[in-house]
Protein backbone atom coordinates (compact mmCIF):
# COMPACT_ATOMS: atom_id res chain seq x y z
CA MET A 1 0.21 -0.31 0.06
CA ARG A 2 1.42 3.65 -0.95
CA ALA A 3 2.27 5.49 1.76
CA PHE A 4 -0.37 7.66 3.66
CA ARG A 5 1.06 11.27 2.60
CA ARG A 6 0.90 9.75 -1.27
CA SER A 7 -2.77 9.07 -0.91
CA LEU A 8 -4.45 11.05 -3.25
CA PRO A 9 -7.75 11.69 -1.77
CA MET A 10 -5.75 12.41 1.15
CA ALA A 11 -3.55 14.97 -0.88
CA LEU A 12 -6.70 16.82 -2.35
CA LEU A 13 -8.25 16.51 0.76
CA LYS A 14 -5.18 18.73 2.67
CA ALA A 15 -5.36 21.48 -0.44
CA ARG A 16 -8.54 21.40 -0.18
CA GLU A 17 -9.00 22.72 3.27
CA ALA A 18 -6.06 24.78 2.95
CA VAL A 19 -7.50 26.72 0.62
CA MET A 20 -11.20 26.57 2.25
CA ALA A 21 -9.36 28.29 5.70
CA ARG A 22 -9.18 31.49 3.62
CA PHE A 23 -12.78 31.17 2.66
CA ARG A 24 -14.40 30.06 6.00
CA PRO A 25 -14.15 32.50 7.82
CA LEU A 26 -15.90 34.89 5.50
CA LEU A 27 -18.86 32.62 4.65
CA HIS A 28 -19.49 32.43 8.20
CA GLU A 29 -19.11 36.25 8.87
CA HIS A 30 -22.35 35.87 6.56
CA ASP A 31 -23.83 33.12 8.12
CA LEU A 32 -23.26 30.86 5.01
CA THR A 33 -21.90 27.10 4.87
CA GLU A 34 -19.76 26.16 1.98
CA GLN A 35 -22.20 24.67 0.39
CA GLN A 36 -24.65 27.21 0.49
CA TRP A 37 -22.06 29.24 -1.10
CA ARG A 38 -21.77 26.53 -3.66
CA VAL A 39 -25.12 26.54 -4.46
CA LEU A 40 -25.57 30.51 -4.64
CA ARG A 41 -22.46 30.87 -6.58
CA ALA A 42 -23.93 28.15 -9.59
CA LEU A 43 -27.24 29.95 -9.57
CA THR A 44 -24.99 32.74 -10.83
CA THR A 45 -24.02 30.59 -13.94
CA ALA A 46 -28.12 30.16 -15.37
CA ASP A 47 -31.07 31.64 -15.23
CA GLU A 48 -32.43 28.72 -13.14
CA PHE A 49 -31.28 25.03 -12.71
CA ARG A 50 -33.75 21.67 -11.95
CA ALA A 51 -32.73 20.82 -8.90
CA GLY A 52 -30.81 17.65 -10.31
CA GLU A 53 -28.71 19.66 -12.73
CA LEU A 54 -27.99 22.01 -9.67
CA ALA A 55 -26.66 19.33 -7.29
CA ARG A 56 -24.43 18.07 -10.41
CA VAL A 57 -22.74 21.47 -10.62
CA SER A 58 -22.28 22.67 -7.36
CA SER A 59 -21.39 18.44 -6.23
CA ILE A 60 -23.94 18.06 -3.41
CA SER A 61 -25.80 15.14 -3.09
CA MET A 62 -30.00 15.49 -3.54
CA PRO A 63 -30.86 14.78 -0.04
CA SER A 64 -28.28 17.66 1.07
CA LEU A 65 -29.50 19.85 -1.86
CA SER A 66 -32.64 19.85 -0.27
CA ARG A 67 -32.13 20.91 2.96
CA ILE A 68 -29.83 23.79 1.99
CA LEU A 69 -32.44 24.58 -0.66
CA ARG A 70 -35.16 25.14 2.12
CA THR A 71 -32.72 27.33 3.98
CA LEU A 72 -31.73 29.52 0.99
CA GLU A 73 -35.12 30.00 0.50
CA LYS A 74 -36.24 30.83 4.03
CA ARG A 75 -33.68 33.21 4.24
CA GLY A 76 -34.68 34.92 0.63
CA LEU A 77 -31.85 34.02 -1.46
CA ILE A 78 -33.30 31.69 -4.10
CA GLN A 79 -36.83 30.88 -5.04
CA ARG A 80 -38.34 27.74 -6.95
CA GLY A 81 -40.79 27.92 -9.50
CA ILE A 82 -42.89 25.08 -11.90
CA GLU A 83 -41.43 24.41 -15.04
CA ASP A 84 -44.01 24.35 -17.84
CA LYS A 85 -43.18 20.92 -19.40
CA ASP A 86 -43.02 19.04 -16.07
CA LEU A 87 -45.30 20.47 -12.66
CA ARG A 88 -43.20 17.73 -10.68
CA ALA A 89 -39.67 19.71 -11.43
CA ALA A 90 -39.01 22.65 -9.63
CA GLN A 91 -36.69 25.20 -11.13
CA ILE A 92 -34.45 26.81 -9.04
CA SER A 93 -32.85 30.51 -9.48
CA ILE A 94 -31.22 33.15 -7.38
CA THR A 95 -33.41 36.10 -6.15
CA PRO A 96 -32.12 40.00 -6.14
CA SER A 97 -31.36 39.34 -2.47
CA GLY A 98 -29.42 36.47 -3.20
CA ARG A 99 -27.52 38.95 -5.82
CA ASP A 100 -27.00 40.83 -3.43
CA MET A 101 -25.46 38.35 -1.15
CA ILE A 102 -22.43 37.53 -3.63
CA ALA A 103 -21.99 41.11 -4.56
CA LEU A 104 -21.47 42.23 -0.73
CA ILE A 105 -19.03 38.90 -0.41
CA ALA A 106 -17.44 38.79 -4.13
CA PRO A 107 -14.88 41.39 -3.33
CA HIS A 108 -13.65 39.61 0.05
CA SER A 109 -13.59 36.26 -2.14
CA GLU A 110 -11.46 38.05 -4.64
CA ARG A 111 -8.84 39.17 -2.40
CA ARG A 112 -8.69 35.47 -0.85
CA TYR A 113 -7.92 34.14 -4.63
CA ALA A 114 -5.66 37.48 -5.18
CA GLU A 115 -4.06 35.86 -1.91
CA ILE A 116 -3.66 32.02 -2.74
CA THR A 117 -2.21 33.58 -6.25
CA ALA A 118 0.62 35.61 -4.39
CA ALA A 119 1.35 33.11 -2.82
CA PHE A 120 1.74 29.89 -4.84
CA GLY A 121 1.97 31.70 -8.27
CA ALA A 122 -0.55 32.89 -11.23
CA ASP A 123 1.74 30.41 -13.83
CA ARG A 124 1.13 27.35 -11.37
CA LEU A 125 -2.33 27.84 -9.96
CA ALA A 126 -3.20 27.84 -13.83
CA THR A 127 -1.12 24.70 -14.45
CA LEU A 128 -3.01 23.05 -11.13
CA TYR A 129 -6.85 24.12 -12.72
CA GLY A 130 -5.90 22.54 -15.38
CA LEU A 131 -4.57 19.34 -14.36
CA LEU A 132 -7.15 19.28 -11.84
CA ASP A 133 -10.03 19.24 -15.05
CA GLU A 134 -7.90 17.08 -16.98
CA LEU A 135 -8.27 14.39 -13.65
CA ALA A 136 -11.53 15.06 -13.46
CA ASP A 137 -12.43 14.21 -17.31
CA CYS A 138 -10.73 11.28 -17.38
CA LEU A 139 -12.09 9.87 -14.14
CA GLY A 140 -15.05 11.00 -15.73
CA GLY A 141 -15.84 13.70 -13.12
CA SER A 142 -16.02 16.54 -14.81
CA ASP A 143 -19.15 19.04 -14.77
CA GLY A 144 -18.66 19.81 -18.11
CA GLY A 145 -18.06 23.99 -16.97
CA ASP A 146 -15.07 25.53 -17.83
CA GLU A 147 -16.20 29.04 -15.94
CA GLU A 148 -13.58 30.41 -14.08
CA GLU A 149 -14.43 31.03 -10.49
């Protein structure tokens, strides 16, 4: 068995935790979890999403997404509508209040990205993004998105 420090899942988790340590305090200041933020961010990329698609692009399980959507809806940050073609399917979109929340947090988030870029290097970060996308693609885990975060 390979050395624990060379376990790919652990290396990815360690890097994720190092990155998220920069963002968590900002999200907590606005009473948001990481998953809630991912949902809000995903909702800024399209006019609306069906729940299954939103779960896929935000990498959140459907049961967790259901709880997150209830919370965000109660806070007035998202809204659910009925799809014309399938009355059972809800269409989820971000509200003006949700967009205001994004606008409030975005400059602070961008400062964190700038700090990470300065520490790691812009070229190395671009290479890392590319390698992570390639890894996800070759293992069948790509969401198909190429939007810059």
